[in-house]
């Protein structure tokens, strides 16, 4: 089957069965918690911080805290535990990350969600870390990625991942595709579909990257995703972590940078990300979530269903 991206497909409407779009249920059970909708801001330093994580979790939305130096994962996990909110943190696959897992265990902090987050998730290091975390935290919901093939999806679920992040290089701040030629740039939609269809178990698929319009969320769900991770659309809000910049004409922008960029890593080699300026949106992250939920409710109504789980029956051309 020819590969395609979001802009290449249209969802096919069916007879509406609800009296109002507000009746459409966007909630999803993900791990042991139920969330208002299957959308999560990317675990990037310019998208999520401690304050936003608390706002999201307190309001019934899923979040994943990033793993960069501006956050202490143990202190953050402790605070979320005290607040009675889900603990959802990220780590890599190197020695400090193994130490982090042990420190959490020593302090009796048991993450509800642990995202093992590296650029190329179909790797020996990922296999070792997934199995290690599963051994230390048998009840933790493990998210692993990123991948862009059916083979990788099957391997990660066999290693013990509960959810898999799908998407290599489709995001606007990522240069993996242009630097290496590899990834799901321009074909992210079909890659989501291929990985979702490859699952042998109840593993969840998180579509990560390349979301440019609210309608791309609905398309991702129709194609088999269970959760949609978004970076750029959440990086230019009034309470986004990036600095606000004013140009010569007085127009306001927000900084948005890739996790593998020189700005994020401080490195001068093996750079696979950029730093950009995006026009400031005059709304907060919770207002953006409400807007996206309304868009998703409309999509559900056009699909002739009344809940997010039924979108999988919608067809497209």
Protein backbone atom coordinates (compact mmCIF):
# COMPACT_ATOMS: atom_id res chain seq x y z
CA UNK A 1 0.00 0.00 0.00
CA UNK A 2 1.39 3.47 -0.87
CA UNK A 3 2.52 5.45 2.14
CA UNK A 4 0.92 8.77 3.01
CA UNK A 5 0.73 11.58 5.54
CA UNK A 6 -2.11 13.40 7.27
CA UNK A 7 -2.67 15.94 4.50
CA UNK A 8 -3.07 13.12 1.97
CA UNK A 9 -6.21 11.62 3.51
CA UNK A 10 -9.80 12.63 4.23
CA UNK A 11 -11.98 10.95 6.83
CA UNK A 12 -15.36 9.83 5.47
CA UNK A 13 -18.39 11.22 7.37
CA UNK A 14 -21.29 9.04 8.43
CA UNK A 15 -24.78 9.72 9.81
CA UNK A 16 -24.54 11.73 13.04
CA UNK A 17 -26.11 9.91 15.99
CA UNK A 18 -25.80 12.59 18.69
CA UNK A 19 -28.04 15.58 19.32
CA UNK A 20 -25.06 17.81 20.08
CA UNK A 21 -21.32 17.50 19.63
CA UNK A 22 -20.95 18.19 23.35
CA UNK A 23 -22.41 14.72 23.97
CA UNK A 24 -19.40 13.04 22.35
CA UNK A 25 -17.15 11.30 24.86
CA UNK A 26 -13.42 11.95 24.36
CA UNK A 27 -12.23 10.20 27.53
CA UNK A 28 -9.73 7.35 27.45
CA UNK A 29 -8.37 4.84 29.95
CA UNK A 30 -4.59 4.79 29.67
CA UNK A 31 -2.83 2.62 32.19
CA UNK A 32 -4.69 2.70 35.49
CA UNK A 33 -6.06 6.22 35.05
CA UNK A 34 -8.82 7.72 32.95
CA UNK A 35 -8.10 11.00 31.14
CA UNK A 36 -10.33 13.58 29.47
CA UNK A 37 -8.88 12.93 26.03
CA UNK A 38 -6.07 11.08 24.23
CA UNK A 39 -3.77 14.08 23.76
CA UNK A 40 -0.51 14.70 25.60
CA UNK A 41 2.00 17.56 25.27
CA UNK A 42 5.43 16.32 24.17
CA UNK A 43 7.96 15.63 26.90
CA UNK A 44 10.15 18.49 25.70
CA UNK A 45 11.62 21.21 27.91
CA UNK A 46 10.00 23.95 25.79
CA UNK A 47 6.57 22.29 26.09
CA UNK A 48 6.20 20.95 29.64
CA UNK A 49 7.48 21.98 33.07
CA UNK A 50 6.52 21.24 36.67
CA UNK A 51 3.79 23.89 36.88
CA UNK A 52 2.16 22.73 33.65
CA UNK A 53 2.39 19.07 34.68
CA UNK A 54 0.49 19.88 37.88
CA UNK A 55 -2.09 21.92 35.94
CA UNK A 56 -2.66 19.11 33.46
CA UNK A 57 -2.78 16.28 36.00
CA UNK A 58 -5.07 18.25 38.33
CA UNK A 59 -7.44 18.90 35.42
CA UNK A 60 -7.66 15.28 34.27
CA UNK A 61 -5.17 15.32 31.40
CA UNK A 62 -2.25 12.99 30.78
CA UNK A 63 1.28 14.40 30.88
CA UNK A 64 4.86 13.17 30.57
CA UNK A 65 7.57 15.17 32.32
CA UNK A 66 10.75 15.67 30.28
CA UNK A 67 14.14 14.31 31.35
CA UNK A 68 16.39 17.34 30.93
CA UNK A 69 18.56 19.11 33.48
CA UNK A 70 16.01 21.75 34.52
CA UNK A 71 14.05 19.08 36.40
CA UNK A 72 15.02 16.75 39.25
CA UNK A 73 12.96 13.61 38.55
CA UNK A 74 13.08 12.33 42.13
CA UNK A 75 11.97 15.63 43.65
CA UNK A 76 9.28 15.97 41.01
CA UNK A 77 8.00 12.43 41.62
CA UNK A 78 7.92 13.13 45.36
CA UNK A 79 5.90 16.32 44.88
CA UNK A 80 3.37 14.61 42.60
CA UNK A 81 3.03 11.80 45.14
CA UNK A 82 2.36 14.28 47.96
CA UNK A 83 -0.23 16.03 45.79
CA UNK A 84 -1.91 12.71 45.05
CA UNK A 85 -1.39 13.12 41.31
CA UNK A 86 -0.13 10.55 38.77
CA UNK A 87 3.66 10.31 38.54
CA UNK A 88 4.74 10.33 34.89
CA UNK A 89 8.45 10.86 34.22
CA UNK A 90 11.01 10.23 31.48
CA UNK A 91 14.46 8.68 31.40
CA UNK A 92 17.08 7.59 28.90
CA UNK A 93 19.13 4.40 28.62
CA UNK A 94 22.50 5.27 30.12
CA UNK A 95 24.10 4.73 33.53
CA UNK A 96 22.56 7.82 35.21
CA UNK A 97 19.14 6.54 34.16
CA UNK A 98 19.71 3.17 35.83
CA UNK A 99 20.78 5.08 38.95
CA UNK A 100 17.59 7.12 38.77
CA UNK A 101 15.45 3.99 38.75
CA UNK A 102 17.26 2.68 41.82
CA UNK A 103 16.95 6.01 43.64
CA UNK A 104 13.21 6.09 43.02
CA UNK A 105 12.92 2.57 44.37
CA UNK A 106 15.02 3.40 47.46
CA UNK A 107 12.75 6.34 48.26
CA UNK A 108 9.60 4.27 47.74
CA UNK A 109 8.53 6.37 44.78
CA UNK A 110 6.73 4.15 42.29
CA UNK A 111 6.06 5.92 38.97
CA UNK A 112 2.64 5.35 37.50
CA UNK A 113 4.12 6.00 34.04
CA UNK A 114 7.75 5.79 33.02
CA UNK A 115 8.70 6.89 29.50
CA UNK A 116 11.98 5.53 28.16
CA UNK A 117 12.67 8.18 25.59
CA UNK A 118 15.45 7.99 22.99
CA UNK A 119 15.68 8.99 19.34
CA UNK A 120 16.08 5.44 18.00
CA UNK A 121 14.08 3.20 20.29
CA UNK A 122 14.64 -0.04 18.37
CA UNK A 123 17.99 -0.70 19.99
CA UNK A 124 19.90 -2.99 22.33
CA UNK A 125 20.03 -0.27 24.99
CA UNK A 126 16.26 0.12 24.88
CA UNK A 127 15.74 -3.62 25.27
CA UNK A 128 17.99 -3.66 28.33
CA UNK A 129 16.30 -0.66 29.95
CA UNK A 130 12.73 -1.85 29.35
CA UNK A 131 13.51 -5.22 30.91
CA UNK A 132 15.35 -3.56 33.81
CA UNK A 133 12.49 -1.19 34.60
CA UNK A 134 9.95 -4.01 34.33
CA UNK A 135 11.97 -5.97 36.89
CA UNK A 136 12.33 -3.06 39.34
CA UNK A 137 8.82 -1.63 38.85
CA UNK A 138 6.59 -4.51 37.73
CA UNK A 139 3.40 -2.44 38.10
CA UNK A 140 4.62 0.69 36.29
CA UNK A 141 3.12 1.49 32.89
CA UNK A 142 6.15 1.60 30.57
CA UNK A 143 6.16 3.83 27.50
CA UNK A 144 9.05 3.25 25.10
CA UNK A 145 10.20 4.82 21.83
CA UNK A 146 10.64 6.17 19.37
CA UNK A 147 10.17 3.73 16.49
CA UNK A 148 8.77 3.82 12.96
CA UNK A 149 8.49 0.18 11.83
CA UNK A 150 6.22 -2.77 12.45
CA UNK A 151 9.22 -4.92 13.42
CA UNK A 152 10.29 -2.42 16.07
CA UNK A 153 6.74 -2.28 17.44
CA UNK A 154 6.62 -6.03 17.90
CA UNK A 155 10.06 -6.12 19.52
CA UNK A 156 9.28 -3.35 22.02
CA UNK A 157 6.04 -4.98 23.12
CA UNK A 158 7.85 -8.32 23.45
CA UNK A 159 10.49 -6.62 25.62
CA UNK A 160 7.76 -5.42 27.97
CA UNK A 161 6.57 -1.99 26.85
CA UNK A 162 2.94 -1.14 27.61
CA UNK A 163 2.87 1.70 25.09
CA UNK A 164 5.09 2.59 22.15
CA UNK A 165 5.85 6.04 20.79
CA UNK A 166 5.70 6.00 16.99
CA UNK A 167 7.46 8.63 14.91
CA UNK A 168 11.09 9.25 13.98
CA UNK A 169 11.83 12.73 12.71
CA UNK A 170 8.34 13.92 11.66
CA UNK A 171 8.33 16.92 14.02
CA UNK A 172 9.03 20.47 12.81
CA UNK A 173 11.96 20.96 15.22
CA UNK A 174 13.63 17.64 14.32
CA UNK A 175 16.33 17.31 11.66
CA UNK A 176 16.84 13.54 11.85
CA UNK A 177 15.31 13.00 8.42
CA UNK A 178 17.29 15.74 6.69
CA UNK A 179 20.50 14.76 8.48
CA UNK A 180 20.28 10.99 8.02
CA UNK A 181 17.59 10.17 5.46
CA UNK A 182 15.83 7.91 8.00
CA UNK A 183 12.47 8.33 9.65
CA UNK A 184 8.76 8.90 9.09
CA UNK A 185 8.85 12.44 7.73
CA UNK A 186 6.05 12.93 5.16
CA UNK A 187 4.69 9.39 5.83
CA UNK A 188 3.93 9.59 9.56
CA UNK A 189 0.23 8.83 9.09
CA UNK A 190 0.81 5.53 7.31
CA UNK A 191 3.61 4.59 9.73
CA UNK A 192 1.15 5.00 12.62
CA UNK A 193 -1.23 2.67 10.81
CA UNK A 194 1.47 0.07 10.09
CA UNK A 195 2.72 0.02 13.68
CA UNK A 196 -0.80 -0.12 15.11
CA UNK A 197 -1.67 -3.07 12.88
CA UNK A 198 1.53 -4.89 13.86
CA UNK A 199 0.60 -5.17 17.52
CA UNK A 200 0.12 -8.69 18.84
CA UNK A 201 -1.02 -7.69 22.35
CA UNK A 202 -2.96 -4.87 23.95
CA UNK A 203 -0.01 -2.51 23.61
CA UNK A 204 -0.95 1.16 23.18
CA UNK A 205 0.33 3.28 20.32
CA UNK A 206 1.30 6.93 20.89
CA UNK A 207 1.48 8.89 17.64
CA UNK A 208 4.38 11.26 18.24
CA UNK A 209 5.18 14.13 15.89
CA UNK A 210 3.98 15.71 12.68
CA UNK A 211 0.65 16.96 14.08
CA UNK A 212 0.00 20.32 12.43
CA UNK A 213 -3.80 20.68 12.69
CA UNK A 214 -6.41 19.52 15.22
CA UNK A 215 -7.85 17.23 12.54
CA UNK A 216 -4.57 15.31 12.50
CA UNK A 217 -5.42 14.10 16.01
CA UNK A 218 -8.64 12.47 14.79
CA UNK A 219 -6.81 11.01 11.78
CA UNK A 220 -4.17 9.49 14.08
CA UNK A 221 -6.87 7.83 16.16
CA UNK A 222 -8.67 6.48 13.09
CA UNK A 223 -5.34 5.06 11.89
CA UNK A 224 -4.88 3.12 15.13
CA UNK A 225 -3.21 5.43 17.65
CA UNK A 226 -4.45 5.37 21.25
CA UNK A 227 -2.76 8.61 22.34
CA UNK A 228 -1.38 11.56 20.35
CA UNK A 229 1.73 13.45 21.46
CA UNK A 230 2.10 17.03 20.24
CA UNK A 231 5.03 19.45 20.48
CA UNK A 232 4.78 22.58 18.34
CA UNK A 233 1.08 23.24 18.94
CA UNK A 234 1.76 23.36 22.71
CA UNK A 235 5.00 25.34 22.59
CA UNK A 236 3.69 28.82 21.75
CA UNK A 237 1.06 29.29 24.46
CA UNK A 238 1.06 32.04 27.07
CA UNK A 239 2.27 29.64 29.78
CA UNK A 240 4.62 27.56 27.60
CA UNK A 241 8.11 27.26 29.16
CA UNK A 242 10.05 28.82 26.25
CA UNK A 243 11.05 32.47 26.41
CA UNK A 244 8.80 35.08 24.82
CA UNK A 245 10.54 37.12 22.11
CA UNK A 246 9.35 40.39 20.55
CA UNK A 247 10.43 41.26 17.00
CA UNK A 248 11.17 44.73 15.60
CA UNK A 249 7.51 45.22 14.71
CA UNK A 250 6.33 44.26 18.19
CA UNK A 251 4.99 40.83 17.30
CA UNK A 252 5.42 38.22 20.04
CA UNK A 253 6.92 34.76 19.55
CA UNK A 254 7.76 31.76 21.72
CA UNK A 255 10.95 29.71 21.51
CA UNK A 256 10.55 26.11 20.35
CA UNK A 257 13.49 23.73 20.14
CA UNK A 258 14.07 20.06 19.47
CA UNK A 259 15.27 17.73 22.21
CA UNK A 260 18.30 16.80 20.09
CA UNK A 261 19.14 20.40 19.20
CA UNK A 262 22.41 22.13 20.11
CA UNK A 263 20.42 24.54 22.30
CA UNK A 264 19.00 21.66 24.36
CA UNK A 265 22.08 19.45 24.57
CA UNK A 266 24.85 22.03 24.59
CA UNK A 267 26.73 19.80 22.14
CA UNK A 268 28.42 20.81 18.89
CA UNK A 269 28.26 17.38 17.24
CA UNK A 270 25.56 14.83 16.40
CA UNK A 271 22.89 17.51 16.30
CA UNK A 272 19.44 16.42 15.08
CA UNK A 273 17.22 19.33 16.05
CA UNK A 274 16.70 23.06 15.59
CA UNK A 275 15.52 26.06 17.59
CA UNK A 276 12.68 28.10 16.09
CA UNK A 277 10.37 30.98 16.93
CA UNK A 278 6.61 30.39 16.72
CA UNK A 279 3.93 33.10 16.83
CA UNK A 280 2.52 33.44 20.34
CA UNK A 281 -1.02 32.10 20.82
CA UNK A 282 -3.17 34.14 23.19
CA UNK A 283 -4.35 31.17 25.26
CA UNK A 284 -3.08 28.90 28.03
CA UNK A 285 -2.39 25.19 27.89
CA UNK A 286 -5.72 24.35 29.56
CA UNK A 287 -7.56 26.61 27.09
CA UNK A 288 -5.74 24.84 24.26
CA UNK A 289 -6.77 21.48 25.68
CA UNK A 290 -10.40 22.61 25.78
CA UNK A 291 -10.18 23.80 22.18
CA UNK A 292 -8.68 20.50 21.01
CA UNK A 293 -11.31 18.56 22.93
CA UNK A 294 -14.05 20.51 21.15
CA UNK A 295 -12.41 19.77 17.79
CA UNK A 296 -12.24 16.09 18.72
CA UNK A 297 -15.89 16.05 19.76
CA UNK A 298 -16.80 17.49 16.36
CA UNK A 299 -14.72 14.79 14.66
CA UNK A 300 -16.51 12.08 16.63
CA UNK A 301 -19.89 13.46 15.55
CA UNK A 302 -18.86 13.55 11.87
CA UNK A 303 -17.71 9.95 12.19
CA UNK A 304 -21.19 8.83 13.13
CA UNK A 305 -20.16 7.62 16.58
CA UNK A 306 -20.40 8.99 20.10
CA UNK A 307 -17.09 8.08 21.74
CA UNK A 308 -13.39 8.26 21.04
CA UNK A 309 -12.99 4.48 21.09
CA UNK A 310 -15.43 4.11 18.19
CA UNK A 311 -13.38 6.31 15.85
CA UNK A 312 -11.42 3.20 14.86
CA UNK A 313 -14.43 2.22 12.73
CA UNK A 314 -14.26 5.40 10.62
CA UNK A 315 -12.99 4.97 7.07
CA UNK A 316 -10.82 7.31 4.97
CA UNK A 317 -9.68 7.83 1.41
